[in-house]
Structure formats: structure tokens, C-alpha cells
Amino acid sequence: MNFSALIRQTHRWLSIAFTVTVIANFVAMAVGEPPALVVYAPLLPLFLLLFSGLYMFVLPYARRARRIQD
């Protein structure tokens, strides 16, 4: 498995983790005042999704630029 495939697979799993934490956040808010850990739990997967998504967004442009230079 190359680095790009690893990033893509990690991005998929992070999206699942983010979705689960957001659902847990809504459930906790429906029950009552949620603890801070539940409220801020989606932020870590969200930031990791941001970086992996930006990497995957830039990758085709970087490959094209590398091909043009060669």
C-alpha cells in the first residue's frame, strides 16, 4: 500500500469517526447538558480530515506539475 492509498483509507476511517462523534454529540445534547469531552470530541477527526482532504485535493496538481517538469 503506497502513501496516497494509506491517506485515502485513513480519510475514510476518519470520516466514520467524525460522523459517530457528531451523532454522539446530538444524542448527548438531547439527554441534557453534555460534558465538554463529548462537545469537543468531533474537533480532532475534523482537523485530521481537513489535512488529509487538502492533501488529496493537491495531489493531482502536484503530479501534473511534476510531469511537466520532467
PDB file of N, CA and C in Angstrom:
ATOM      1  N   MET A   1       0.854  -1.175   0.000  1.00  0.00           N
ATOM      2  CA  MET A   1       0.000   0.000   0.000  1.00  0.00           C
ATOM      3  C   MET A   1       0.901   1.239   0.000  1.00  0.00           C
ATOM      4  N   ASN A   2       0.708   2.102  -0.987  1.00  0.00           N
ATOM      5  CA  ASN A   2       1.525   3.307  -1.053  1.00  0.00           C
ATOM      6  C   ASN A   2       0.953   4.400  -0.146  1.00  0.00           C
ATOM      7  N   PHE A   3       1.683   5.496  -0.074  1.00  0.00           N
ATOM      8  CA  PHE A   3       1.323   6.563   0.857  1.00  0.00           C
ATOM      9  C   PHE A   3      -0.031   7.183   0.522  1.00  0.00           C
ATOM     10  N   SER A   4      -0.311   7.394  -0.771  1.00  0.00           N
ATOM     11  CA  SER A   4      -1.585   8.005  -1.168  1.00  0.00           C
ATOM     12  C   SER A   4      -2.769   7.111  -0.808  1.00  0.00           C
ATOM     13  N   ALA A   5      -2.615   5.810  -1.003  1.00  0.00           N
ATOM     14  CA  ALA A   5      -3.686   4.883  -0.644  1.00  0.00           C
ATOM     15  C   ALA A   5      -3.891   4.854   0.864  1.00  0.00           C
ATOM     16  N   LEU A   6      -2.808   4.956   1.605  1.00  0.00           N
ATOM     17  CA  LEU A   6      -2.904   4.985   3.070  1.00  0.00           C
ATOM     18  C   LEU A   6      -3.637   6.245   3.538  1.00  0.00           C
ATOM     19  N   ILE A   7      -3.320   7.375   2.934  1.00  0.00           N
ATOM     20  CA  ILE A   7      -4.007   8.633   3.282  1.00  0.00           C
ATOM     21  C   ILE A   7      -5.493   8.528   2.946  1.00  0.00           C
ATOM     22  N   ARG A   8      -5.810   7.958   1.788  1.00  0.00           N
ATOM     23  CA  ARG A   8      -7.213   7.828   1.364  1.00  0.00           C
ATOM     24  C   ARG A   8      -7.987   6.930   2.331  1.00  0.00           C
ATOM     25  N   GLN A   9      -7.380   5.803   2.718  1.00  0.00           N
ATOM     26  CA  GLN A   9      -8.040   4.886   3.658  1.00  0.00           C
ATOM     27  C   GLN A   9      -8.202   5.539   5.034  1.00  0.00           C
ATOM     28  N   THR A  10      -7.191   6.264   5.477  1.00  0.00           N
ATOM     29  CA  THR A  10      -7.271   6.979   6.754  1.00  0.00           C
ATOM     30  C   THR A  10      -8.375   8.024   6.707  1.00  0.00           C
ATOM     31  N   HIS A  11      -8.502   8.710   5.576  1.00  0.00           N
ATOM     32  CA  HIS A  11      -9.546   9.725   5.416  1.00  0.00           C
ATOM     33  C   HIS A  11     -10.936   9.089   5.546  1.00  0.00           C
ATOM     34  N   ARG A  12     -11.105   7.902   4.960  1.00  0.00           N
ATOM     35  CA  ARG A  12     -12.401   7.216   5.065  1.00  0.00           C
ATOM     36  C   ARG A  12     -12.723   6.867   6.513  1.00  0.00           C
ATOM     37  N   TRP A  13     -11.752   6.311   7.228  1.00  0.00           N
ATOM     38  CA  TRP A  13     -11.990   5.932   8.620  1.00  0.00           C
ATOM     39  C   TRP A  13     -12.206   7.156   9.501  1.00  0.00           C
ATOM     40  N   LEU A  14     -11.493   8.232   9.209  1.00  0.00           N
ATOM     41  CA  LEU A  14     -11.711   9.466   9.975  1.00  0.00           C
ATOM     42  C   LEU A  14     -13.107  10.021   9.744  1.00  0.00           C
ATOM     43  N   SER A  15     -13.623   9.879   8.539  1.00  0.00           N
ATOM     44  CA  SER A  15     -14.986  10.364   8.288  1.00  0.00           C
ATOM     45  C   SER A  15     -16.006   9.564   9.086  1.00  0.00           C
ATOM     46  N   ILE A  16     -15.767   8.267   9.241  1.00  0.00           N
ATOM     47  CA  ILE A  16     -16.652   7.447  10.075  1.00  0.00           C
ATOM     48  C   ILE A  16     -16.556   7.889  11.528  1.00  0.00           C
ATOM     49  N   ALA A  17     -15.335   8.103  12.012  1.00  0.00           N
ATOM     50  CA  ALA A  17     -15.147   8.546  13.401  1.00  0.00           C
ATOM     51  C   ALA A  17     -15.801   9.905  13.631  1.00  0.00           C
ATOM     52  N   PHE A  18     -15.663  10.806  12.678  1.00  0.00           N
ATOM     53  CA  PHE A  18     -16.276  12.128  12.804  1.00  0.00           C
ATOM     54  C   PHE A  18     -17.798  12.017  12.865  1.00  0.00           C
ATOM     55  N   THR A  19     -18.373  11.193  11.996  1.00  0.00           N
ATOM     56  CA  THR A  19     -19.822  11.012  11.980  1.00  0.00           C
ATOM     57  C   THR A  19     -20.326  10.444  13.298  1.00  0.00           C
ATOM     58  N   VAL A  20     -19.617   9.469  13.837  1.00  0.00           N
ATOM     59  CA  VAL A  20     -20.018   8.862  15.108  1.00  0.00           C
ATOM     60  C   VAL A  20     -19.954   9.881  16.236  1.00  0.00           C
ATOM     61  N   THR A  21     -18.901  10.700  16.270  1.00  0.00           N
ATOM     62  CA  THR A  21     -18.793  11.694  17.345  1.00  0.00           C
ATOM     63  C   THR A  21     -19.861  12.778  17.231  1.00  0.00           C
ATOM     64  N   VAL A  22     -20.226  13.145  16.011  1.00  0.00           N
ATOM     65  CA  VAL A  22     -21.298  14.145  15.839  1.00  0.00           C
ATOM     66  C   VAL A  22     -22.637  13.564  16.280  1.00  0.00           C
ATOM     67  N   ILE A  23     -22.900  12.317  15.925  1.00  0.00           N
ATOM     68  CA  ILE A  23     -24.143  11.668  16.372  1.00  0.00           C
ATOM     69  C   ILE A  23     -24.168  11.566  17.893  1.00  0.00           C
ATOM     70  N   ALA A  24     -23.043  11.185  18.494  1.00  0.00           N
ATOM     71  CA  ALA A  24     -22.969  11.108  19.958  1.00  0.00           C
ATOM     72  C   ALA A  24     -23.201  12.481  20.582  1.00  0.00           C
ATOM     73  N   ASN A  25     -22.722  13.515  19.931  1.00  0.00           N
ATOM     74  CA  ASN A  25     -22.924  14.876  20.425  1.00  0.00           C
ATOM     75  C   ASN A  25     -24.405  15.245  20.421  1.00  0.00           C
ATOM     76  N   PHE A  26     -25.110  14.936  19.335  1.00  0.00           N
ATOM     77  CA  PHE A  26     -26.544  15.232  19.267  1.00  0.00           C
ATOM     78  C   PHE A  26     -27.335  14.420  20.286  1.00  0.00           C
ATOM     79  N   VAL A  27     -26.973  13.163  20.470  1.00  0.00           N
ATOM     80  CA  VAL A  27     -27.659  12.329  21.458  1.00  0.00           C
ATOM     81  C   VAL A  27     -27.429  12.874  22.856  1.00  0.00           C
ATOM     82  N   ALA A  28     -26.188  13.273  23.151  1.00  0.00           N
ATOM     83  CA  ALA A  28     -25.887  13.821  24.478  1.00  0.00           C
ATOM     84  C   ALA A  28     -26.623  15.135  24.720  1.00  0.00           C
ATOM     85  N   MET A  29     -26.765  15.942  23.685  1.00  0.00           N
ATOM     86  CA  MET A  29     -27.497  17.205  23.846  1.00  0.00           C
ATOM     87  C   MET A  29     -28.983  16.972  24.036  1.00  0.00           C
ATOM     88  N   ALA A  30     -29.510  15.910  23.447  1.00  0.00           N
ATOM     89  CA  ALA A  30     -30.930  15.605  23.621  1.00  0.00           C
ATOM     90  C   ALA A  30     -31.225  15.133  25.031  1.00  0.00           C
ATOM     91  N   VAL A  31     -30.262  14.469  25.651  1.00  0.00           N
ATOM     92  CA  VAL A  31     -30.452  13.940  27.007  1.00  0.00           C
ATOM     93  C   VAL A  31     -30.323  15.039  28.045  1.00  0.00           C
ATOM     94  N   GLY A  32     -29.400  15.944  27.837  1.00  0.00           N
ATOM     95  CA  GLY A  32     -29.175  17.013  28.812  1.00  0.00           C
ATOM     96  C   GLY A  32     -27.922  17.773  28.436  1.00  0.00           C
ATOM     97  N   GLU A  33     -27.323  18.401  29.409  1.00  0.00           N
ATOM     98  CA  GLU A  33     -26.095  19.156  29.198  1.00  0.00           C
ATOM     99  C   GLU A  33     -24.937  18.182  29.011  1.00  0.00           C
ATOM    100  N   PRO A  34     -24.325  18.138  27.811  1.00  0.00           N
ATOM    101  CA  PRO A  34     -23.248  17.171  27.572  1.00  0.00           C
ATOM    102  C   PRO A  34     -21.937  17.638  28.201  1.00  0.00           C
ATOM    103  N   PRO A  35     -21.104  16.695  28.592  1.00  0.00           N
ATOM    104  CA  PRO A  35     -19.780  17.073  29.114  1.00  0.00           C
ATOM    105  C   PRO A  35     -18.911  17.656  27.999  1.00  0.00           C
ATOM    106  N   ALA A  36     -17.915  18.400  28.382  1.00  0.00           N
ATOM    107  CA  ALA A  36     -17.044  19.074  27.413  1.00  0.00           C
ATOM    108  C   ALA A  36     -16.332  18.074  26.509  1.00  0.00           C
ATOM    109  N   LEU A  37     -16.012  16.902  27.013  1.00  0.00           N
ATOM    110  CA  LEU A  37     -15.333  15.892  26.195  1.00  0.00           C
ATOM    111  C   LEU A  37     -16.191  15.484  25.002  1.00  0.00           C
ATOM    112  N   VAL A  38     -17.485  15.361  25.213  1.00  0.00           N
ATOM    113  CA  VAL A  38     -18.392  14.980  24.121  1.00  0.00           C
ATOM    114  C   VAL A  38     -18.561  16.141  23.144  1.00  0.00           C
ATOM    115  N   VAL A  39     -18.622  17.345  23.661  1.00  0.00           N
ATOM    116  CA  VAL A  39     -18.831  18.513  22.808  1.00  0.00           C
ATOM    117  C   VAL A  39     -17.636  18.739  21.879  1.00  0.00           C
ATOM    118  N   TYR A  40     -16.429  18.593  22.407  1.00  0.00           N
ATOM    119  CA  TYR A  40     -15.231  18.872  21.620  1.00  0.00           C
ATOM    120  C   TYR A  40     -14.651  17.638  20.929  1.00  0.00           C
ATOM    121  N   ALA A  41     -15.242  16.474  21.101  1.00  0.00           N
ATOM    122  CA  ALA A  41     -14.730  15.249  20.503  1.00  0.00           C
ATOM    123  C   ALA A  41     -14.689  15.291  18.973  1.00  0.00           C
ATOM    124  N   PRO A  42     -15.642  15.907  18.281  1.00  0.00           N
ATOM    125  CA  PRO A  42     -15.570  15.920  16.811  1.00  0.00           C
ATOM    126  C   PRO A  42     -14.433  16.773  16.242  1.00  0.00           C
ATOM    127  N   LEU A  43     -13.823  17.614  17.040  1.00  0.00           N
ATOM    128  CA  LEU A  43     -12.817  18.528  16.500  1.00  0.00           C
ATOM    129  C   LEU A  43     -11.555  17.816  16.028  1.00  0.00           C
ATOM    130  N   LEU A  44     -11.082  16.819  16.751  1.00  0.00           N
ATOM    131  CA  LEU A  44      -9.858  16.123  16.344  1.00  0.00           C
ATOM    132  C   LEU A  44     -10.039  15.419  14.998  1.00  0.00           C
ATOM    133  N   PRO A  45     -11.077  14.589  14.820  1.00  0.00           N
ATOM    134  CA  PRO A  45     -11.237  13.997  13.481  1.00  0.00           C
ATOM    135  C   PRO A  45     -11.497  15.041  12.396  1.00  0.00           C
ATOM    136  N   LEU A  46     -12.144  16.135  12.757  1.00  0.00           N
ATOM    137  CA  LEU A  46     -12.421  17.173  11.767  1.00  0.00           C
ATOM    138  C   LEU A  46     -11.131  17.795  11.244  1.00  0.00           C
ATOM    139  N   PHE A  47     -10.210  18.134  12.142  1.00  0.00           N
ATOM    140  CA  PHE A  47      -8.936  18.719  11.715  1.00  0.00           C
ATOM    141  C   PHE A  47      -8.099  17.715  10.935  1.00  0.00           C
ATOM    142  N   LEU A  48      -8.117  16.453  11.344  1.00  0.00           N
ATOM    143  CA  LEU A  48      -7.387  15.436  10.596  1.00  0.00           C
ATOM    144  C   LEU A  48      -8.001  15.231   9.218  1.00  0.00           C
ATOM    145  N   LEU A  49      -9.334  15.304   9.129  1.00  0.00           N
ATOM    146  CA  LEU A  49      -9.999  15.235   7.827  1.00  0.00           C
ATOM    147  C   LEU A  49      -9.603  16.426   6.953  1.00  0.00           C
ATOM    148  N   LEU A  50      -9.462  17.582   7.556  1.00  0.00           N
ATOM    149  CA  LEU A  50      -9.054  18.768   6.808  1.00  0.00           C
ATOM    150  C   LEU A  50      -7.700  18.550   6.154  1.00  0.00           C
ATOM    151  N   PHE A  51      -6.722  18.078   6.919  1.00  0.00           N
ATOM    152  CA  PHE A  51      -5.372  17.906   6.385  1.00  0.00           C
ATOM    153  C   PHE A  51      -5.308  16.787   5.349  1.00  0.00           C
ATOM    154  N   SER A  52      -5.969  15.671   5.610  1.00  0.00           N
ATOM    155  CA  SER A  52      -5.934  14.586   4.630  1.00  0.00           C
ATOM    156  C   SER A  52      -6.721  14.973   3.373  1.00  0.00           C
ATOM    157  N   GLY A  53      -7.799  15.703   3.528  1.00  0.00           N
ATOM    158  CA  GLY A  53      -8.561  16.157   2.375  1.00  0.00           C
ATOM    159  C   GLY A  53      -7.793  17.164   1.535  1.00  0.00           C
ATOM    160  N   LEU A  54      -7.089  18.067   2.188  1.00  0.00           N
ATOM    161  CA  LEU A  54      -6.267  19.018   1.437  1.00  0.00           C
ATOM    162  C   LEU A  54      -5.144  18.307   0.695  1.00  0.00           C
ATOM    163  N   TYR A  55      -4.553  17.293   1.322  1.00  0.00           N
ATOM    164  CA  TYR A  55      -3.504  16.517   0.656  1.00  0.00           C
ATOM    165  C   TYR A  55      -4.057  15.843  -0.598  1.00  0.00           C
ATOM    166  N   MET A  56      -5.229  15.216  -0.472  1.00  0.00           N
ATOM    167  CA  MET A  56      -5.814  14.539  -1.625  1.00  0.00           C
ATOM    168  C   MET A  56      -6.257  15.532  -2.696  1.00  0.00           C
ATOM    169  N   PHE A  57      -6.640  16.738  -2.306  1.00  0.00           N
ATOM    170  CA  PHE A  57      -7.032  17.763  -3.259  1.00  0.00           C
ATOM    171  C   PHE A  57      -5.829  18.257  -4.070  1.00  0.00           C
ATOM    172  N   VAL A  58      -4.688  18.430  -3.417  1.00  0.00           N
ATOM    173  CA  VAL A  58      -3.500  18.983  -4.065  1.00  0.00           C
ATOM    174  C   VAL A  58      -2.741  17.923  -4.858  1.00  0.00           C
ATOM    175  N   LEU A  59      -2.899  16.665  -4.531  1.00  0.00           N
ATOM    176  CA  LEU A  59      -2.115  15.592  -5.135  1.00  0.00           C
ATOM    177  C   LEU A  59      -2.176  15.565  -6.667  1.00  0.00           C
ATOM    178  N   PRO A  60      -3.327  15.650  -7.318  1.00  0.00           N
ATOM    179  CA  PRO A  60      -3.321  15.624  -8.789  1.00  0.00           C
ATOM    180  C   PRO A  60      -2.568  16.802  -9.407  1.00  0.00           C
ATOM    181  N   TYR A  61      -2.667  17.983  -8.783  1.00  0.00           N
ATOM    182  CA  TYR A  61      -1.957  19.144  -9.301  1.00  0.00           C
ATOM    183  C   TYR A  61      -0.454  18.985  -9.137  1.00  0.00           C
ATOM    184  N   ALA A  62      -0.028  18.409  -8.026  1.00  0.00           N
ATOM    185  CA  ALA A  62       1.400  18.181  -7.802  1.00  0.00           C
ATOM    186  C   ALA A  62       1.944  17.143  -8.782  1.00  0.00           C
ATOM    187  N   ARG A  63       1.167  16.114  -9.064  1.00  0.00           N
ATOM    188  CA  ARG A  63       1.600  15.107 -10.048  1.00  0.00           C
ATOM    189  C   ARG A  63       1.722  15.723 -11.435  1.00  0.00           C
ATOM    190  N   ARG A  64       0.752  16.533 -11.797  1.00  0.00           N
ATOM    191  CA  ARG A  64       0.782  17.175 -13.114  1.00  0.00           C
ATOM    192  C   ARG A  64       1.983  18.108 -13.224  1.00  0.00           C
ATOM    193  N   ALA A  65       2.266  18.876 -12.183  1.00  0.00           N
ATOM    194  CA  ALA A  65       3.405  19.787 -12.200  1.00  0.00           C
ATOM    195  C   ALA A  65       4.723  18.996 -12.288  1.00  0.00           C
ATOM    196  N   ARG A  66       4.791  17.867 -11.620  1.00  0.00           N
ATOM    197  CA  ARG A  66       5.986  17.032 -11.663  1.00  0.00           C
ATOM    198  C   ARG A  66       6.183  16.460 -13.064  1.00  0.00           C
ATOM    199  N   ARG A  67       5.083  16.065 -13.728  1.00  0.00           N
ATOM    200  CA  ARG A  67       5.168  15.527 -15.085  1.00  0.00           C
ATOM    201  C   ARG A  67       5.625  16.600 -16.075  1.00  0.00           C
ATOM    202  N   ILE A  68       5.160  17.815 -15.901  1.00  0.00           N
ATOM    203  CA  ILE A  68       5.534  18.901 -16.808  1.00  0.00           C
ATOM    204  C   ILE A  68       7.018  19.234 -16.661  1.00  0.00           C
ATOM    205  N   GLN A  69       7.564  19.166 -15.455  1.00  0.00           N
ATOM    206  CA  GLN A  69       8.964  19.465 -15.228  1.00  0.00           C
ATOM    207  C   GLN A  69       9.884  18.415 -15.826  1.00  0.00           C
ATOM    208  N   ASP A  70       9.424  17.177 -15.875  1.00  0.00           N
ATOM    209  CA  ASP A  70      10.284  16.090 -16.393  1.00  0.00           C
ATOM    210  C   ASP A  70      10.403  16.086 -17.874  1.00  0.00           C
TER     211      ASP A  70
END
